[in-house]
Amino acid sequence: MRSEIQKMLLIIVEDVDRWRGQPLHEEIVRTLRRQGVAGATVWTGIEGYGVSGHLHHKGLFGVPDEKPVVIAAVDEEKKLRAVLPAILPMIDGGVALLQDAEVFQP
């Protein structure tokens, strides 16, 4: 099995966030794909909080509050940094993280 060091871009927003009338996470994935990023995955968090300290979880009567959504994209650092100017204006109130990722492939 071989491995290589890549970068992982993690973008954390809320499931209710929108960009130009569309769900924000969908627009981010479309942008990543359009810019040729190798791959991206989206998942919804169960609970979380950010710098505001506001806890996001199941609300009153078990009705979900806004939930965190994480978009993870893996590729070369150069490619991920190149897409940041298109994505950062979209994530008002969210956060983006760029970190090392060791990618294993059979």
PDB file of N, CA and C in Angstrom:
ATOM      1  N   MET A   1       0.857  -1.175   0.000  1.00  0.00           N
ATOM      2  CA  MET A   1       0.000   0.000   0.000  1.00  0.00           C
ATOM      3  C   MET A   1       0.902   1.236   0.000  1.00  0.00           C
ATOM      4  N   ARG A   2       0.579   2.183  -0.866  1.00  0.00           N
ATOM      5  CA  ARG A   2       1.380   3.395  -0.921  1.00  0.00           C
ATOM      6  C   ARG A   2       0.609   4.543  -0.270  1.00  0.00           C
ATOM      7  N   SER A   3       1.361   5.521   0.170  1.00  0.00           N
ATOM      8  CA  SER A   3       0.722   6.703   0.743  1.00  0.00           C
ATOM      9  C   SER A   3       1.447   7.944   0.245  1.00  0.00           C
ATOM     10  N   GLU A   4       0.742   9.047   0.293  1.00  0.00           N
ATOM     11  CA  GLU A   4       1.339  10.325  -0.071  1.00  0.00           C
ATOM     12  C   GLU A   4       0.735  11.413   0.807  1.00  0.00           C
ATOM     13  N   ILE A   5       1.506  12.464   1.025  1.00  0.00           N
ATOM     14  CA  ILE A   5       1.017  13.579   1.825  1.00  0.00           C
ATOM     15  C   ILE A   5       0.303  14.563   0.900  1.00  0.00           C
ATOM     16  N   GLN A   6      -0.932  14.835   1.237  1.00  0.00           N
ATOM     17  CA  GLN A   6      -1.755  15.819   0.534  1.00  0.00           C
ATOM     18  C   GLN A   6      -2.217  16.830   1.579  1.00  0.00           C
ATOM     19  N   LYS A   7      -3.145  17.663   1.216  1.00  0.00           N
ATOM     20  CA  LYS A   7      -3.788  18.582   2.151  1.00  0.00           C
ATOM     21  C   LYS A   7      -5.276  18.278   2.183  1.00  0.00           C
ATOM     22  N   MET A   8      -5.892  18.547   3.346  1.00  0.00           N
ATOM     23  CA  MET A   8      -7.336  18.414   3.483  1.00  0.00           C
ATOM     24  C   MET A   8      -7.895  19.776   3.874  1.00  0.00           C
ATOM     25  N   LEU A   9      -8.862  20.225   3.100  1.00  0.00           N
ATOM     26  CA  LEU A   9      -9.587  21.448   3.395  1.00  0.00           C
ATOM     27  C   LEU A   9     -10.886  21.047   4.077  1.00  0.00           C
ATOM     28  N   LEU A  10     -11.075  21.489   5.315  1.00  0.00           N
ATOM     29  CA  LEU A  10     -12.321  21.255   6.045  1.00  0.00           C
ATOM     30  C   LEU A  10     -13.053  22.583   6.139  1.00  0.00           C
ATOM     31  N   ILE A  11     -14.301  22.571   5.744  1.00  0.00           N
ATOM     32  CA  ILE A  11     -15.133  23.770   5.801  1.00  0.00           C
ATOM     33  C   ILE A  11     -16.326  23.433   6.682  1.00  0.00           C
ATOM     34  N   ILE A  12     -16.537  24.232   7.720  1.00  0.00           N
ATOM     35  CA  ILE A  12     -17.622  23.971   8.664  1.00  0.00           C
ATOM     36  C   ILE A  12     -18.609  25.130   8.595  1.00  0.00           C
ATOM     37  N   VAL A  13     -19.845  24.797   8.243  1.00  0.00           N
ATOM     38  CA  VAL A  13     -20.932  25.768   8.135  1.00  0.00           C
ATOM     39  C   VAL A  13     -22.156  25.158   8.823  1.00  0.00           C
ATOM     40  N   GLU A  14     -23.315  25.763   8.651  1.00  0.00           N
ATOM     41  CA  GLU A  14     -24.553  25.208   9.203  1.00  0.00           C
ATOM     42  C   GLU A  14     -25.450  24.720   8.075  1.00  0.00           C
ATOM     43  N   ASP A  15     -26.281  23.742   8.391  1.00  0.00           N
ATOM     44  CA  ASP A  15     -27.146  23.160   7.357  1.00  0.00           C
ATOM     45  C   ASP A  15     -28.162  24.152   6.802  1.00  0.00           C
ATOM     46  N   VAL A  16     -28.444  25.228   7.518  1.00  0.00           N
ATOM     47  CA  VAL A  16     -29.417  26.224   7.055  1.00  0.00           C
ATOM     48  C   VAL A  16     -28.770  27.343   6.236  1.00  0.00           C
ATOM     49  N   ASP A  17     -27.448  27.370   6.145  1.00  0.00           N
ATOM     50  CA  ASP A  17     -26.750  28.425   5.406  1.00  0.00           C
ATOM     51  C   ASP A  17     -27.031  28.322   3.912  1.00  0.00           C
ATOM     52  N   ARG A  18     -27.179  29.485   3.272  1.00  0.00           N
ATOM     53  CA  ARG A  18     -27.489  29.539   1.844  1.00  0.00           C
ATOM     54  C   ARG A  18     -26.478  30.437   1.136  1.00  0.00           C
ATOM     55  N   TRP A  19     -26.320  30.196  -0.154  1.00  0.00           N
ATOM     56  CA  TRP A  19     -25.514  31.052  -1.019  1.00  0.00           C
ATOM     57  C   TRP A  19     -26.305  31.249  -2.302  1.00  0.00           C
ATOM     58  N   ARG A  20     -26.694  32.492  -2.550  1.00  0.00           N
ATOM     59  CA  ARG A  20     -27.486  32.821  -3.739  1.00  0.00           C
ATOM     60  C   ARG A  20     -28.725  31.934  -3.874  1.00  0.00           C
ATOM     61  N   GLY A  21     -29.392  31.715  -2.732  1.00  0.00           N
ATOM     62  CA  GLY A  21     -30.640  30.965  -2.718  1.00  0.00           C
ATOM     63  C   GLY A  21     -30.513  29.457  -2.678  1.00  0.00           C
ATOM     64  N   GLN A  22     -29.309  28.937  -2.730  1.00  0.00           N
ATOM     65  CA  GLN A  22     -29.083  27.484  -2.737  1.00  0.00           C
ATOM     66  C   GLN A  22     -28.405  27.056  -1.436  1.00  0.00           C
ATOM     67  N   PRO A  23     -28.574  25.783  -1.038  1.00  0.00           N
ATOM     68  CA  PRO A  23     -27.862  25.305   0.147  1.00  0.00           C
ATOM     69  C   PRO A  23     -26.356  25.536  -0.011  1.00  0.00           C
ATOM     70  N   LEU A  24     -25.748  26.136   0.990  1.00  0.00           N
ATOM     71  CA  LEU A  24     -24.341  26.516   0.918  1.00  0.00           C
ATOM     72  C   LEU A  24     -23.421  25.332   0.657  1.00  0.00           C
ATOM     73  N   HIS A  25     -23.666  24.215   1.343  1.00  0.00           N
ATOM     74  CA  HIS A  25     -22.763  23.072   1.159  1.00  0.00           C
ATOM     75  C   HIS A  25     -22.792  22.570  -0.288  1.00  0.00           C
ATOM     76  N   GLU A  26     -23.953  22.638  -0.929  1.00  0.00           N
ATOM     77  CA  GLU A  26     -24.039  22.218  -2.336  1.00  0.00           C
ATOM     78  C   GLU A  26     -23.245  23.158  -3.236  1.00  0.00           C
ATOM     79  N   GLU A  27     -23.326  24.444  -2.975  1.00  0.00           N
ATOM     80  CA  GLU A  27     -22.588  25.424  -3.779  1.00  0.00           C
ATOM     81  C   GLU A  27     -21.081  25.273  -3.581  1.00  0.00           C
ATOM     82  N   ILE A  28     -20.667  24.968  -2.370  1.00  0.00           N
ATOM     83  CA  ILE A  28     -19.237  24.761  -2.113  1.00  0.00           C
ATOM     84  C   ILE A  28     -18.743  23.534  -2.866  1.00  0.00           C
ATOM     85  N   VAL A  29     -19.491  22.443  -2.815  1.00  0.00           N
ATOM     86  CA  VAL A  29     -19.088  21.225  -3.532  1.00  0.00           C
ATOM     87  C   VAL A  29     -19.041  21.490  -5.037  1.00  0.00           C
ATOM     88  N   ARG A  30     -20.019  22.199  -5.563  1.00  0.00           N
ATOM     89  CA  ARG A  30     -20.004  22.533  -7.002  1.00  0.00           C
ATOM     90  C   ARG A  30     -18.756  23.350  -7.357  1.00  0.00           C
ATOM     91  N   THR A  31     -18.413  24.299  -6.507  1.00  0.00           N
ATOM     92  CA  THR A  31     -17.230  25.130  -6.748  1.00  0.00           C
ATOM     93  C   THR A  31     -15.963  24.286  -6.710  1.00  0.00           C
ATOM     94  N   LEU A  32     -15.852  23.400  -5.728  1.00  0.00           N
ATOM     95  CA  LEU A  32     -14.681  22.518  -5.638  1.00  0.00           C
ATOM     96  C   LEU A  32     -14.560  21.659  -6.897  1.00  0.00           C
ATOM     97  N   ARG A  33     -15.668  21.109  -7.329  1.00  0.00           N
ATOM     98  CA  ARG A  33     -15.657  20.242  -8.515  1.00  0.00           C
ATOM     99  C   ARG A  33     -15.310  21.029  -9.780  1.00  0.00           C
ATOM    100  N   ARG A  34     -15.920  22.191  -9.911  1.00  0.00           N
ATOM    101  CA  ARG A  34     -15.656  23.049 -11.075  1.00  0.00           C
ATOM    102  C   ARG A  34     -14.177  23.444 -11.155  1.00  0.00           C
ATOM    103  N   GLN A  35     -13.548  23.627 -10.006  1.00  0.00           N
ATOM    104  CA  GLN A  35     -12.143  24.036  -9.964  1.00  0.00           C
ATOM    105  C   GLN A  35     -11.195  22.840 -10.029  1.00  0.00           C
ATOM    106  N   GLY A  36     -11.747  21.628 -10.187  1.00  0.00           N
ATOM    107  CA  GLY A  36     -10.921  20.450 -10.403  1.00  0.00           C
ATOM    108  C   GLY A  36     -10.315  19.821  -9.166  1.00  0.00           C
ATOM    109  N   VAL A  37     -10.874  20.100  -7.990  1.00  0.00           N
ATOM    110  CA  VAL A  37     -10.380  19.474  -6.757  1.00  0.00           C
ATOM    111  C   VAL A  37     -10.677  17.978  -6.824  1.00  0.00           C
ATOM    112  N   ALA A  38      -9.712  17.164  -6.382  1.00  0.00           N
ATOM    113  CA  ALA A  38      -9.764  15.704  -6.556  1.00  0.00           C
ATOM    114  C   ALA A  38     -11.016  15.056  -5.973  1.00  0.00           C
ATOM    115  N   GLY A  39     -11.456  15.476  -4.800  1.00  0.00           N
ATOM    116  CA  GLY A  39     -12.635  14.854  -4.205  1.00  0.00           C
ATOM    117  C   GLY A  39     -13.129  15.642  -3.017  1.00  0.00           C
ATOM    118  N   ALA A  40     -14.420  15.522  -2.727  1.00  0.00           N
ATOM    119  CA  ALA A  40     -15.025  16.206  -1.588  1.00  0.00           C
ATOM    120  C   ALA A  40     -16.154  15.350  -1.029  1.00  0.00           C
ATOM    121  N   THR A  41     -16.340  15.442   0.270  1.00  0.00           N
ATOM    122  CA  THR A  41     -17.409  14.725   0.959  1.00  0.00           C
ATOM    123  C   THR A  41     -18.076  15.690   1.935  1.00  0.00           C
ATOM    124  N   VAL A  42     -19.397  15.547   2.091  1.00  0.00           N
ATOM    125  CA  VAL A  42     -20.158  16.386   3.013  1.00  0.00           C
ATOM    126  C   VAL A  42     -20.827  15.488   4.039  1.00  0.00           C
ATOM    127  N   TRP A  43     -20.768  15.879   5.292  1.00  0.00           N
ATOM    128  CA  TRP A  43     -21.544  15.167   6.297  1.00  0.00           C
ATOM    129  C   TRP A  43     -22.098  16.155   7.303  1.00  0.00           C
ATOM    130  N   THR A  44     -23.204  15.746   7.955  1.00  0.00           N
ATOM    131  CA  THR A  44     -23.886  16.578   8.937  1.00  0.00           C
ATOM    132  C   THR A  44     -23.470  16.160  10.331  1.00  0.00           C
ATOM    133  N   GLY A  45     -23.149  17.138  11.146  1.00  0.00           N
ATOM    134  CA  GLY A  45     -22.783  16.872  12.532  1.00  0.00           C
ATOM    135  C   GLY A  45     -24.015  16.687  13.399  1.00  0.00           C
ATOM    136  N   ILE A  46     -23.826  16.012  14.500  1.00  0.00           N
ATOM    137  CA  ILE A  46     -24.914  15.786  15.453  1.00  0.00           C
ATOM    138  C   ILE A  46     -25.046  16.973  16.392  1.00  0.00           C
ATOM    139  N   GLU A  47     -23.900  17.507  16.782  1.00  0.00           N
ATOM    140  CA  GLU A  47     -23.892  18.593  17.747  1.00  0.00           C
ATOM    141  C   GLU A  47     -22.571  19.328  17.619  1.00  0.00           C
ATOM    142  N   GLY A  48     -22.562  20.600  17.954  1.00  0.00           N
ATOM    143  CA  GLY A  48     -21.318  21.348  17.924  1.00  0.00           C
ATOM    144  C   GLY A  48     -21.537  22.791  18.334  1.00  0.00           C
ATOM    145  N   TYR A  49     -20.424  23.508  18.497  1.00  0.00           N
ATOM    146  CA  TYR A  49     -20.489  24.938  18.773  1.00  0.00           C
ATOM    147  C   TYR A  49     -19.253  25.599  18.201  1.00  0.00           C
ATOM    148  N   GLY A  50     -19.345  26.885  17.980  1.00  0.00           N
ATOM    149  CA  GLY A  50     -18.232  27.636  17.419  1.00  0.00           C
ATOM    150  C   GLY A  50     -17.799  28.735  18.361  1.00  0.00           C
ATOM    151  N   VAL A  51     -17.150  29.728  17.805  1.00  0.00           N
ATOM    152  CA  VAL A  51     -16.591  30.813  18.597  1.00  0.00           C
ATOM    153  C   VAL A  51     -17.666  31.564  19.387  1.00  0.00           C
ATOM    154  N   SER A  52     -18.897  31.572  18.883  1.00  0.00           N
ATOM    155  CA  SER A  52     -19.982  32.262  19.592  1.00  0.00           C
ATOM    156  C   SER A  52     -20.397  31.522  20.859  1.00  0.00           C
ATOM    157  N   GLY A  53     -20.067  30.242  20.944  1.00  0.00           N
ATOM    158  CA  GLY A  53     -20.461  29.436  22.092  1.00  0.00           C
ATOM    159  C   GLY A  53     -21.866  28.874  21.981  1.00  0.00           C
ATOM    160  N   HIS A  54     -22.602  29.246  20.926  1.00  0.00           N
ATOM    161  CA  HIS A  54     -23.972  28.744  20.731  1.00  0.00           C
ATOM    162  C   HIS A  54     -23.923  27.256  20.388  1.00  0.00           C
ATOM    163  N   LEU A  55     -24.604  26.437  21.190  1.00  0.00           N
ATOM    164  CA  LEU A  55     -24.625  24.993  20.989  1.00  0.00           C
ATOM    165  C   LEU A  55     -25.699  24.625  19.968  1.00  0.00           C
ATOM    166  N   HIS A  56     -25.307  23.882  18.950  1.00  0.00           N
ATOM    167  CA  HIS A  56     -26.227  23.419  17.910  1.00  0.00           C
ATOM    168  C   HIS A  56     -26.516  21.940  18.156  1.00  0.00           C
ATOM    169  N   HIS A  57     -27.785  21.616  18.368  1.00  0.00           N
ATOM    170  CA  HIS A  57     -28.189  20.228  18.632  1.00  0.00           C
ATOM    171  C   HIS A  57     -29.696  20.128  18.472  1.00  0.00           C
ATOM    172  N   LYS A  58     -30.248  18.991  18.875  1.00  0.00           N
ATOM    173  CA  LYS A  58     -31.707  18.863  18.823  1.00  0.00           C
ATOM    174  C   LYS A  58     -32.320  19.909  19.735  1.00  0.00           C
ATOM    175  N   GLY A  59     -33.271  20.629  19.196  1.00  0.00           N
ATOM    176  CA  GLY A  59     -33.895  21.713  19.930  1.00  0.00           C
ATOM    177  C   GLY A  59     -35.127  21.258  20.691  1.00  0.00           C
ATOM    178  N   LEU A  60     -36.014  22.191  20.914  1.00  0.00           N
ATOM    179  CA  LEU A  60     -37.241  21.967  21.657  1.00  0.00           C
ATOM    180  C   LEU A  60     -38.066  20.846  21.036  1.00  0.00           C
ATOM    181  N   PHE A  61     -38.544  19.921  21.837  1.00  0.00           N
ATOM    182  CA  PHE A  61     -39.362  18.785  21.402  1.00  0.00           C
ATOM    183  C   PHE A  61     -38.643  17.895  20.395  1.00  0.00           C
ATOM    184  N   GLY A  62     -37.320  17.878  20.435  1.00  0.00           N
ATOM    185  CA  GLY A  62     -36.544  17.014  19.549  1.00  0.00           C
ATOM    186  C   GLY A  62     -36.431  17.513  18.123  1.00  0.00           C
ATOM    187  N   VAL A  63     -36.958  18.719  17.857  1.00  0.00           N
ATOM    188  CA  VAL A  63     -36.834  19.300  16.516  1.00  0.00           C
ATOM    189  C   VAL A  63     -35.415  19.830  16.372  1.00  0.00           C
ATOM    190  N   PRO A  64     -34.737  19.436  15.318  1.00  0.00           N
ATOM    191  CA  PRO A  64     -33.342  19.851  15.186  1.00  0.00           C
ATOM    192  C   PRO A  64     -33.171  21.359  15.053  1.00  0.00           C
ATOM    193  N   ASP A  65     -32.180  21.853  15.761  1.00  0.00           N
ATOM    194  CA  ASP A  65     -31.700  23.220  15.626  1.00  0.00           C
ATOM    195  C   ASP A  65     -30.827  23.231  14.373  1.00  0.00           C
ATOM    196  N   GLU A  66     -30.197  24.343  14.059  1.00  0.00           N
ATOM    197  CA  GLU A  66     -29.232  24.327  12.962  1.00  0.00           C
ATOM    198  C   GLU A  66     -28.135  23.335  13.315  1.00  0.00           C
ATOM    199  N   LYS A  67     -27.766  22.497  12.353  1.00  0.00           N
ATOM    200  CA  LYS A  67     -26.725  21.501  12.606  1.00  0.00           C
ATOM    201  C   LYS A  67     -25.468  21.867  11.833  1.00  0.00           C
ATOM    202  N   PRO A  68     -24.309  21.522  12.408  1.00  0.00           N
ATOM    203  CA  PRO A  68     -23.077  21.764  11.670  1.00  0.00           C
ATOM    204  C   PRO A  68     -22.976  20.847  10.460  1.00  0.00           C
ATOM    205  N   VAL A  69     -22.431  21.386   9.381  1.00  0.00           N
ATOM    206  CA  VAL A  69     -22.159  20.620   8.170  1.00  0.00           C
ATOM    207  C   VAL A  69     -20.668  20.762   7.889  1.00  0.00           C
ATOM    208  N   VAL A  70     -20.016  19.634   7.629  1.00  0.00           N
ATOM    209  CA  VAL A  70     -18.583  19.632   7.338  1.00  0.00           C
ATOM    210  C   VAL A  70     -18.380  19.191   5.897  1.00  0.00           C
ATOM    211  N   ILE A  71     -17.642  19.988   5.151  1.00  0.00           N
ATOM    212  CA  ILE A  71     -17.244  19.632   3.787  1.00  0.00           C
ATOM    213  C   ILE A  71     -15.748  19.366   3.848  1.00  0.00           C
ATOM    214  N   ALA A  72     -15.336  18.183   3.445  1.00  0.00           N
ATOM    215  CA  ALA A  72     -13.916  17.824   3.430  1.00  0.00           C
ATOM    216  C   ALA A  72     -13.484  17.613   1.988  1.00  0.00           C
ATOM    217  N   ALA A  73     -12.400  18.257   1.607  1.00  0.00           N
ATOM    218  CA  ALA A  73     -11.840  18.110   0.261  1.00  0.00           C
ATOM    219  C   ALA A  73     -10.356  17.791   0.395  1.00  0.00           C
ATOM    220  N   VAL A  74      -9.878  16.832  -0.396  1.00  0.00           N
ATOM    221  CA  VAL A  74      -8.474  16.427  -0.341  1.00  0.00           C
ATOM    222  C   VAL A  74      -7.853  16.593  -1.718  1.00  0.00           C
ATOM    223  N   ASP A  75      -6.685  17.232  -1.749  1.00  0.00           N
ATOM    224  CA  ASP A  75      -5.942  17.422  -2.997  1.00  0.00           C
ATOM    225  C   ASP A  75      -4.583  18.021  -2.646  1.00  0.00           C
ATOM    226  N   GLU A  76      -3.856  18.419  -3.676  1.00  0.00           N
ATOM    227  CA  GLU A  76      -2.577  19.089  -3.483  1.00  0.00           C
ATOM    228  C   GLU A  76      -2.818  20.466  -2.860  1.00  0.00           C
ATOM    229  N   GLU A  77      -1.868  20.903  -2.051  1.00  0.00           N
ATOM    230  CA  GLU A  77      -2.000  22.202  -1.390  1.00  0.00           C
ATOM    231  C   GLU A  77      -2.240  23.328  -2.395  1.00  0.00           C
ATOM    232  N   LYS A  78      -1.504  23.319  -3.479  1.00  0.00           N
ATOM    233  CA  LYS A  78      -1.616  24.375  -4.491  1.00  0.00           C
ATOM    234  C   LYS A  78      -3.047  24.494  -5.017  1.00  0.00           C
ATOM    235  N   LYS A  79      -3.675  23.359  -5.277  1.00  0.00           N
ATOM    236  CA  LYS A  79      -5.034  23.374  -5.827  1.00  0.00           C
ATOM    237  C   LYS A  79      -6.049  23.859  -4.787  1.00  0.00           C
ATOM    238  N   LEU A  80      -5.883  23.424  -3.537  1.00  0.00           N
ATOM    239  CA  LEU A  80      -6.818  23.850  -2.495  1.00  0.00           C
ATOM    240  C   LEU A  80      -6.661  25.336  -2.185  1.00  0.00           C
ATOM    241  N   ARG A  81      -5.442  25.814  -2.149  1.00  0.00           N
ATOM    242  CA  ARG A  81      -5.235  27.253  -1.909  1.00  0.00           C
ATOM    243  C   ARG A  81      -5.809  28.087  -3.057  1.00  0.00           C
ATOM    244  N   ALA A  82      -5.749  27.557  -4.264  1.00  0.00           N
ATOM    245  CA  ALA A  82      -6.273  28.278  -5.428  1.00  0.00           C
ATOM    246  C   ALA A  82      -7.791  28.430  -5.377  1.00  0.00           C
ATOM    247  N   VAL A  83      -8.487  27.493  -4.739  1.00  0.00           N
ATOM    248  CA  VAL A  83      -9.951  27.550  -4.679  1.00  0.00           C
ATOM    249  C   VAL A  83     -10.444  28.405  -3.499  1.00  0.00           C
ATOM    250  N   LEU A  84      -9.588  28.682  -2.536  1.00  0.00           N
ATOM    251  CA  LEU A  84     -10.007  29.448  -1.353  1.00  0.00           C
ATOM    252  C   LEU A  84     -10.616  30.817  -1.679  1.00  0.00           C
ATOM    253  N   PRO A  85     -10.062  31.599  -2.605  1.00  0.00           N
ATOM    254  CA  PRO A  85     -10.683  32.897  -2.894  1.00  0.00           C
ATOM    255  C   PRO A  85     -12.131  32.795  -3.383  1.00  0.00           C
ATOM    256  N   ALA A  86     -12.498  31.698  -4.001  1.00  0.00           N
ATOM    257  CA  ALA A  86     -13.886  31.509  -4.447  1.00  0.00           C
ATOM    258  C   ALA A  86     -14.785  31.052  -3.306  1.00  0.00           C
ATOM    259  N   ILE A  87     -14.220  30.336  -2.332  1.00  0.00           N
ATOM    260  CA  ILE A  87     -15.026  29.744  -1.265  1.00  0.00           C
ATOM    261  C   ILE A  87     -15.142  30.633  -0.029  1.00  0.00           C
ATOM    262  N   LEU A  88     -14.075  31.288   0.361  1.00  0.00           N
ATOM    263  CA  LEU A  88     -14.098  32.055   1.608  1.00  0.00           C
ATOM    264  C   LEU A  88     -15.211  33.101   1.677  1.00  0.00           C
ATOM    265  N   PRO A  89     -15.532  33.823   0.602  1.00  0.00           N
ATOM    266  CA  PRO A  89     -16.647  34.778   0.693  1.00  0.00           C
ATOM    267  C   PRO A  89     -17.999  34.111   0.964  1.00  0.00           C
ATOM    268  N   MET A  90     -18.121  32.834   0.670  1.00  0.00           N
ATOM    269  CA  MET A  90     -19.384  32.114   0.870  1.00  0.00           C
ATOM    270  C   MET A  90     -19.627  31.761   2.329  1.00  0.00           C
ATOM    271  N   ILE A  91     -18.568  31.622   3.116  1.00  0.00           N
ATOM    272  CA  ILE A  91     -18.715  31.000   4.435  1.00  0.00           C
ATOM    273  C   ILE A  91     -18.748  32.005   5.575  1.00  0.00           C
ATOM    274  N   ASP A  92     -19.462  33.085   5.394  1.00  0.00           N
ATOM    275  CA  ASP A  92     -19.646  34.073   6.450  1.00  0.00           C
ATOM    276  C   ASP A  92     -20.243  33.377   7.668  1.00  0.00           C
ATOM    277  N   GLY A  93     -19.533  33.391   8.766  1.00  0.00           N
ATOM    278  CA  GLY A  93     -20.006  32.716   9.970  1.00  0.00           C
ATOM    279  C   GLY A  93     -19.488  31.303  10.110  1.00  0.00           C
ATOM    280  N   GLY A  94     -18.891  30.760   9.069  1.00  0.00           N
ATOM    281  CA  GLY A  94     -18.298  29.425   9.131  1.00  0.00           C
ATOM    282  C   GLY A  94     -16.800  29.528   9.304  1.00  0.00           C
ATOM    283  N   VAL A  95     -16.131  28.418   9.073  1.00  0.00           N
ATOM    284  CA  VAL A  95     -14.675  28.390   9.213  1.00  0.00           C
ATOM    285  C   VAL A  95     -14.101  27.415   8.193  1.00  0.00           C
ATOM    286  N   ALA A  96     -12.889  27.703   7.740  1.00  0.00           N
ATOM    287  CA  ALA A  96     -12.174  26.801   6.833  1.00  0.00           C
ATOM    288  C   ALA A  96     -10.833  26.459   7.472  1.00  0.00           C
ATOM    289  N   LEU A  97     -10.452  25.194   7.394  1.00  0.00           N
ATOM    290  CA  LEU A  97      -9.187  24.711   7.948  1.00  0.00           C
ATOM    291  C   LEU A  97      -8.430  23.982   6.854  1.00  0.00           C
ATOM    292  N   LEU A  98      -7.130  24.195   6.785  1.00  0.00           N
ATOM    293  CA  LEU A  98      -6.289  23.491   5.824  1.00  0.00           C
ATOM    294  C   LEU A  98      -5.235  22.744   6.624  1.00  0.00           C
ATOM    295  N   GLN A  99      -5.206  21.416   6.463  1.00  0.00           N
ATOM    296  CA  GLN A  99      -4.290  20.607   7.271  1.00  0.00           C
ATOM    297  C   GLN A  99      -3.683  19.490   6.445  1.00  0.00           C
ATOM    298  N   ASP A 100      -2.587  18.930   6.962  1.00  0.00           N
ATOM    299  CA  ASP A 100      -1.943  17.798   6.299  1.00  0.00           C
ATOM    300  C   ASP A 100      -2.843  16.570   6.354  1.00  0.00           C
ATOM    301  N   ALA A 101      -2.776  15.760   5.312  1.00  0.00           N
ATOM    302  CA  ALA A 101      -3.520  14.500   5.263  1.00  0.00           C
ATOM    303  C   ALA A 101      -2.646  13.464   4.579  1.00  0.00           C
ATOM    304  N   GLU A 102      -2.447  12.329   5.229  1.00  0.00           N
ATOM    305  CA  GLU A 102      -1.731  11.231   4.597  1.00  0.00           C
ATOM    306  C   GLU A 102      -2.770  10.361   3.905  1.00  0.00           C
ATOM    307  N   VAL A 103      -2.657  10.252   2.599  1.00  0.00           N
ATOM    308  CA  VAL A 103      -3.638   9.538   1.787  1.00  0.00           C
ATOM    309  C   VAL A 103      -3.076   8.168   1.435  1.00  0.00           C
ATOM    310  N   PHE A 104      -3.828   7.121   1.756  1.00  0.00           N
ATOM    311  CA  PHE A 104      -3.426   5.743   1.469  1.00  0.00           C
ATOM    312  C   PHE A 104      -4.238   5.216   0.305  1.00  0.00           C
ATOM    313  N   GLN A 105      -3.563   4.595  -0.638  1.00  0.00           N
ATOM    314  CA  GLN A 105      -4.247   3.984  -1.776  1.00  0.00           C
ATOM    315  C   GLN A 105      -3.651   2.610  -2.016  1.00  0.00           C
ATOM    316  N   PRO A 106      -4.503   1.604  -2.300  1.00  0.00           N
ATOM    317  CA  PRO A 106      -3.990   0.250  -2.530  1.00  0.00           C
ATOM    318  C   PRO A 106      -3.162   0.169  -3.805  1.00  0.00           C
TER     319      PRO A 106
END
